[in-house]
Amino acid sequence: MARRLRPVELDFVESAPLRLVFTAEVSAPPKAVYAALADDVAGWSCWFTGVARSAPTQGGMGREVRLTGGTRFTETILAAEPDAHYAYRVDTTNAPGLRALLEDWRLAPANGGTRLRWTFAADGPAPFRLLLTLARPGLGRAFRESARALDRRLTRA
């Protein structure tokens, strides 16, 4: 059953009780990476570990995401700056314990490609925050694998 989360804005990325930040470099230029993030929402299931289905909503201002384990999210896009910044908050989910979640993607040119910085900003009760902190290595591995898969997808295109 979907629950409504606390609506947060972009400043939550700095003030969230839990912030997990991951970085990776890909050989594709920021323009191509941004297009994969923001324009090809349905394509996320082809490269982002754990995403089974993703679809744009609200005329491109929102997303519906389903993870392979059955977790579902409805999201609102908060930032869409071509080639530089893409961010969204989760509005509803069936994930237990979550009170607020914002994911922030920053792109910067680096070594002929793109440096990705993904910030996972969340709020929930102390046991939930502890669980996510313990899951940090797994989330980092999933992010790095996803970045490599995205890079392969973009270099083939």
C-alpha atoms as a PDB file:
ATOM      1  CA  MET A   1       0.000   0.000   0.000  1.00  0.00           C
ATOM      2  CA  ALA A   2       1.443   3.383  -1.012  1.00  0.00           C
ATOM      3  CA  ARG A   3       2.160   5.945   1.666  1.00  0.00           C
ATOM      4  CA  ARG A   4       2.630   9.660   1.099  1.00  0.00           C
ATOM      5  CA  LEU A   5       6.054  10.962   2.144  1.00  0.00           C
ATOM      6  CA  ARG A   6       6.924  14.412   3.446  1.00  0.00           C
ATOM      7  CA  PRO A   7       7.350  16.715   0.433  1.00  0.00           C
ATOM      8  CA  VAL A   8      10.904  18.058   0.459  1.00  0.00           C
ATOM      9  CA  GLU A   9      12.643  20.550  -1.808  1.00  0.00           C
ATOM     10  CA  LEU A  10      16.163  20.736  -3.233  1.00  0.00           C
ATOM     11  CA  ASP A  11      17.656  22.089   0.002  1.00  0.00           C
ATOM     12  CA  PHE A  12      16.904  18.708   1.614  1.00  0.00           C
ATOM     13  CA  VAL A  13      19.987  17.345  -0.145  1.00  0.00           C
ATOM     14  CA  GLU A  14      22.050  19.372   2.362  1.00  0.00           C
ATOM     15  CA  SER A  15      19.853  19.022   5.465  1.00  0.00           C
ATOM     16  CA  ALA A  16      18.681  15.398   5.306  1.00  0.00           C
ATOM     17  CA  PRO A  17      19.345  13.304   8.430  1.00  0.00           C
ATOM     18  CA  LEU A  18      20.983  10.721   6.156  1.00  0.00           C
ATOM     19  CA  ARG A  19      23.042  11.600   3.084  1.00  0.00           C
ATOM     20  CA  LEU A  20      24.832   8.983   1.018  1.00  0.00           C
ATOM     21  CA  VAL A  21      27.022  10.425  -1.734  1.00  0.00           C
ATOM     22  CA  PHE A  22      28.595   8.376  -4.506  1.00  0.00           C
ATOM     23  CA  THR A  23      30.713   9.405  -7.493  1.00  0.00           C
ATOM     24  CA  ALA A  24      31.820   7.731 -10.701  1.00  0.00           C
ATOM     25  CA  GLU A  25      33.227   8.744 -14.056  1.00  0.00           C
ATOM     26  CA  VAL A  26      31.869   7.658 -17.410  1.00  0.00           C
ATOM     27  CA  SER A  27      33.370   8.247 -20.834  1.00  0.00           C
ATOM     28  CA  ALA A  28      30.170   9.661 -22.333  1.00  0.00           C
ATOM     29  CA  PRO A  29      29.805  13.466 -22.409  1.00  0.00           C
ATOM     30  CA  PRO A  30      27.431  15.253 -19.991  1.00  0.00           C
ATOM     31  CA  LYS A  31      24.876  15.859 -22.771  1.00  0.00           C
ATOM     32  CA  ALA A  32      24.471  12.107 -23.399  1.00  0.00           C
ATOM     33  CA  VAL A  33      24.431  11.247 -19.688  1.00  0.00           C
ATOM     34  CA  TYR A  34      21.823  13.901 -18.950  1.00  0.00           C
ATOM     35  CA  ALA A  35      19.645  12.632 -21.814  1.00  0.00           C
ATOM     36  CA  ALA A  36      19.793   9.116 -20.339  1.00  0.00           C
ATOM     37  CA  LEU A  37      18.791  10.417 -16.904  1.00  0.00           C
ATOM     38  CA  ALA A  38      16.109  12.925 -17.823  1.00  0.00           C
ATOM     39  CA  ASP A  39      14.865  12.168 -21.324  1.00  0.00           C
ATOM     40  CA  ASP A  40      15.033   8.363 -21.500  1.00  0.00           C
ATOM     41  CA  VAL A  41      13.234   7.600 -18.237  1.00  0.00           C
ATOM     42  CA  ALA A  42      11.985   4.250 -19.593  1.00  0.00           C
ATOM     43  CA  GLY A  43      15.591   3.272 -20.346  1.00  0.00           C
ATOM     44  CA  TRP A  44      16.611   3.271 -16.652  1.00  0.00           C
ATOM     45  CA  SER A  45      15.626  -0.401 -16.379  1.00  0.00           C
ATOM     46  CA  CYS A  46      18.307  -1.185 -18.977  1.00  0.00           C
ATOM     47  CA  TRP A  47      21.178   0.206 -16.919  1.00  0.00           C
ATOM     48  CA  PHE A  48      20.271   1.102 -13.322  1.00  0.00           C
ATOM     49  CA  THR A  49      20.681  -1.914 -11.033  1.00  0.00           C
ATOM     50  CA  GLY A  50      17.408  -2.891  -9.409  1.00  0.00           C
ATOM     51  CA  VAL A  51      15.061  -0.816 -11.583  1.00  0.00           C
ATOM     52  CA  ALA A  52      12.494  -3.118 -13.201  1.00  0.00           C
ATOM     53  CA  ARG A  53      10.360  -0.390 -14.793  1.00  0.00           C
ATOM     54  CA  SER A  54      10.419   3.377 -14.992  1.00  0.00           C
ATOM     55  CA  ALA A  55       8.015   5.659 -16.814  1.00  0.00           C
ATOM     56  CA  PRO A  56       7.545   9.401 -17.098  1.00  0.00           C
ATOM     57  CA  THR A  57       4.365  10.955 -15.677  1.00  0.00           C
ATOM     58  CA  GLN A  58       2.829  14.425 -15.415  1.00  0.00           C
ATOM     59  CA  GLY A  59       4.030  15.409 -18.885  1.00  0.00           C
ATOM     60  CA  GLY A  60       7.631  14.596 -17.963  1.00  0.00           C
ATOM     61  CA  MET A  61       7.555  16.364 -14.576  1.00  0.00           C
ATOM     62  CA  GLY A  62       7.205  13.106 -12.661  1.00  0.00           C
ATOM     63  CA  ARG A  63       8.173   9.455 -12.754  1.00  0.00           C
ATOM     64  CA  GLU A  64       6.809   6.095 -11.664  1.00  0.00           C
ATOM     65  CA  VAL A  65       9.481   3.579 -10.707  1.00  0.00           C
ATOM     66  CA  ARG A  66       9.220  -0.086  -9.776  1.00  0.00           C
ATOM     67  CA  LEU A  67      12.216  -1.929  -8.349  1.00  0.00           C
ATOM     68  CA  THR A  68      12.858  -5.621  -8.961  1.00  0.00           C
ATOM     69  CA  GLY A  69      11.806  -6.515  -5.392  1.00  0.00           C
ATOM     70  CA  GLY A  70       8.390  -4.880  -5.803  1.00  0.00           C
ATOM     71  CA  THR A  71       9.090  -1.505  -4.187  1.00  0.00           C
ATOM     72  CA  ARG A  72       7.244   1.278  -5.995  1.00  0.00           C
ATOM     73  CA  PHE A  73       7.794   5.027  -6.072  1.00  0.00           C
ATOM     74  CA  THR A  74       5.978   7.996  -7.563  1.00  0.00           C
ATOM     75  CA  GLU A  75       8.295  10.956  -7.917  1.00  0.00           C
ATOM     76  CA  THR A  76       8.318  14.644  -8.770  1.00  0.00           C
ATOM     77  CA  ILE A  77      11.193  16.135 -10.766  1.00  0.00           C
ATOM     78  CA  LEU A  78      12.679  19.081  -8.843  1.00  0.00           C
ATOM     79  CA  ALA A  79      15.666  19.965 -11.045  1.00  0.00           C
ATOM     80  CA  ALA A  80      16.213  19.448 -14.745  1.00  0.00           C
ATOM     81  CA  GLU A  81      19.207  21.512 -15.829  1.00  0.00           C
ATOM     82  CA  PRO A  82      20.476  20.086 -19.138  1.00  0.00           C
ATOM     83  CA  ASP A  83      23.925  18.509 -18.971  1.00  0.00           C
ATOM     84  CA  ALA A  84      24.378  19.481 -15.294  1.00  0.00           C
ATOM     85  CA  HIS A  85      21.701  18.569 -12.726  1.00  0.00           C
ATOM     86  CA  TYR A  86      18.761  16.198 -12.364  1.00  0.00           C
ATOM     87  CA  ALA A  87      16.905  15.689  -9.076  1.00  0.00           C
ATOM     88  CA  TYR A  88      13.623  14.193  -7.909  1.00  0.00           C
ATOM     89  CA  ARG A  89      11.822  13.515  -4.660  1.00  0.00           C
ATOM     90  CA  VAL A  90       9.697  10.517  -3.801  1.00  0.00           C
ATOM     91  CA  ASP A  91       6.078  11.466  -3.166  1.00  0.00           C
ATOM     92  CA  THR A  92       4.598   8.024  -2.463  1.00  0.00           C
ATOM     93  CA  THR A  93       6.065   4.585  -1.857  1.00  0.00           C
ATOM     94  CA  ASN A  94       5.261   1.189  -0.444  1.00  0.00           C
ATOM     95  CA  ALA A  95       8.730   1.022   1.220  1.00  0.00           C
ATOM     96  CA  PRO A  96       8.429   0.862   5.009  1.00  0.00           C
ATOM     97  CA  GLY A  97      10.131   3.353   7.295  1.00  0.00           C
ATOM     98  CA  LEU A  98      10.821   6.053   4.752  1.00  0.00           C
ATOM     99  CA  ARG A  99       9.608   9.568   5.661  1.00  0.00           C
ATOM    100  CA  ALA A 100      11.327  11.597   2.911  1.00  0.00           C
ATOM    101  CA  LEU A 101      13.662  10.839   0.006  1.00  0.00           C
ATOM    102  CA  LEU A 102      15.371  13.008  -2.562  1.00  0.00           C
ATOM    103  CA  GLU A 103      17.880  11.814  -5.152  1.00  0.00           C
ATOM    104  CA  ASP A 104      20.190  14.405  -6.656  1.00  0.00           C
ATOM    105  CA  TRP A 105      22.372  13.775  -9.727  1.00  0.00           C
ATOM    106  CA  ARG A 106      25.146  16.249 -10.585  1.00  0.00           C
ATOM    107  CA  LEU A 107      27.097  16.018 -13.825  1.00  0.00           C
ATOM    108  CA  ALA A 108      30.407  17.711 -14.595  1.00  0.00           C
ATOM    109  CA  PRO A 109      32.829  17.376 -17.490  1.00  0.00           C
ATOM    110  CA  ALA A 110      35.836  15.221 -16.515  1.00  0.00           C
ATOM    111  CA  ASN A 111      38.663  13.659 -18.512  1.00  0.00           C
ATOM    112  CA  GLY A 112      36.721  13.885 -21.775  1.00  0.00           C
ATOM    113  CA  GLY A 113      33.640  12.305 -20.192  1.00  0.00           C
ATOM    114  CA  THR A 114      31.396  12.972 -17.214  1.00  0.00           C
ATOM    115  CA  ARG A 115      31.813  12.833 -13.452  1.00  0.00           C
ATOM    116  CA  LEU A 116      28.537  11.712 -11.879  1.00  0.00           C
ATOM    117  CA  ARG A 117      27.697  12.525  -8.278  1.00  0.00           C
ATOM    118  CA  TRP A 118      24.595  10.836  -6.894  1.00  0.00           C
ATOM    119  CA  THR A 119      23.312  11.986  -3.505  1.00  0.00           C
ATOM    120  CA  PHE A 120      20.717   9.834  -1.778  1.00  0.00           C
ATOM    121  CA  ALA A 121      19.136  12.080   0.878  1.00  0.00           C
ATOM    122  CA  ALA A 122      16.656  10.377   3.200  1.00  0.00           C
ATOM    123  CA  ASP A 123      14.751  10.659   6.449  1.00  0.00           C
ATOM    124  CA  GLY A 124      13.178   7.947   8.540  1.00  0.00           C
ATOM    125  CA  PRO A 125      13.261   6.640  12.101  1.00  0.00           C
ATOM    126  CA  ALA A 126      16.660   5.811  13.647  1.00  0.00           C
ATOM    127  CA  PRO A 127      16.492   2.048  12.831  1.00  0.00           C
ATOM    128  CA  PHE A 128      15.748   2.871   9.182  1.00  0.00           C
ATOM    129  CA  ARG A 129      18.684   5.311   9.001  1.00  0.00           C
ATOM    130  CA  LEU A 130      20.968   2.720  10.583  1.00  0.00           C
ATOM    131  CA  LEU A 131      19.860   0.088   8.078  1.00  0.00           C
ATOM    132  CA  LEU A 132      20.571   2.445   5.167  1.00  0.00           C
ATOM    133  CA  THR A 133      23.955   3.333   6.636  1.00  0.00           C
ATOM    134  CA  LEU A 134      24.777  -0.379   6.818  1.00  0.00           C
ATOM    135  CA  ALA A 135      23.548  -0.770   3.218  1.00  0.00           C
ATOM    136  CA  ARG A 136      25.904   2.000   2.021  1.00  0.00           C
ATOM    137  CA  PRO A 137      28.548  -0.379   0.571  1.00  0.00           C
ATOM    138  CA  GLY A 138      25.869  -2.242  -1.394  1.00  0.00           C
ATOM    139  CA  LEU A 139      24.306   0.981  -2.661  1.00  0.00           C
ATOM    140  CA  GLY A 140      27.752   2.215  -3.687  1.00  0.00           C
ATOM    141  CA  ARG A 141      28.456  -1.012  -5.561  1.00  0.00           C
ATOM    142  CA  ALA A 142      25.049  -0.813  -7.286  1.00  0.00           C
ATOM    143  CA  PHE A 143      25.754   2.807  -8.265  1.00  0.00           C
ATOM    144  CA  ARG A 144      29.188   1.971  -9.712  1.00  0.00           C
ATOM    145  CA  GLU A 145      27.783  -1.036 -11.615  1.00  0.00           C
ATOM    146  CA  SER A 146      24.953   1.150 -12.910  1.00  0.00           C
ATOM    147  CA  ALA A 147      27.402   3.853 -14.019  1.00  0.00           C
ATOM    148  CA  ARG A 148      29.429   1.240 -15.932  1.00  0.00           C
ATOM    149  CA  ALA A 149      26.246  -0.156 -17.521  1.00  0.00           C
ATOM    150  CA  LEU A 150      25.145   3.355 -18.479  1.00  0.00           C
ATOM    151  CA  ASP A 151      28.549   4.032 -19.993  1.00  0.00           C
ATOM    152  CA  ARG A 152      28.372   0.830 -22.069  1.00  0.00           C
ATOM    153  CA  ARG A 153      24.851   1.707 -23.204  1.00  0.00           C
ATOM    154  CA  LEU A 154      25.873   5.222 -24.237  1.00  0.00           C
ATOM    155  CA  THR A 155      29.046   4.174 -26.051  1.00  0.00           C
ATOM    156  CA  ARG A 156      27.052   1.628 -28.087  1.00  0.00           C
ATOM    157  CA  ALA A 157      24.448   4.253 -29.052  1.00  0.00           C
END
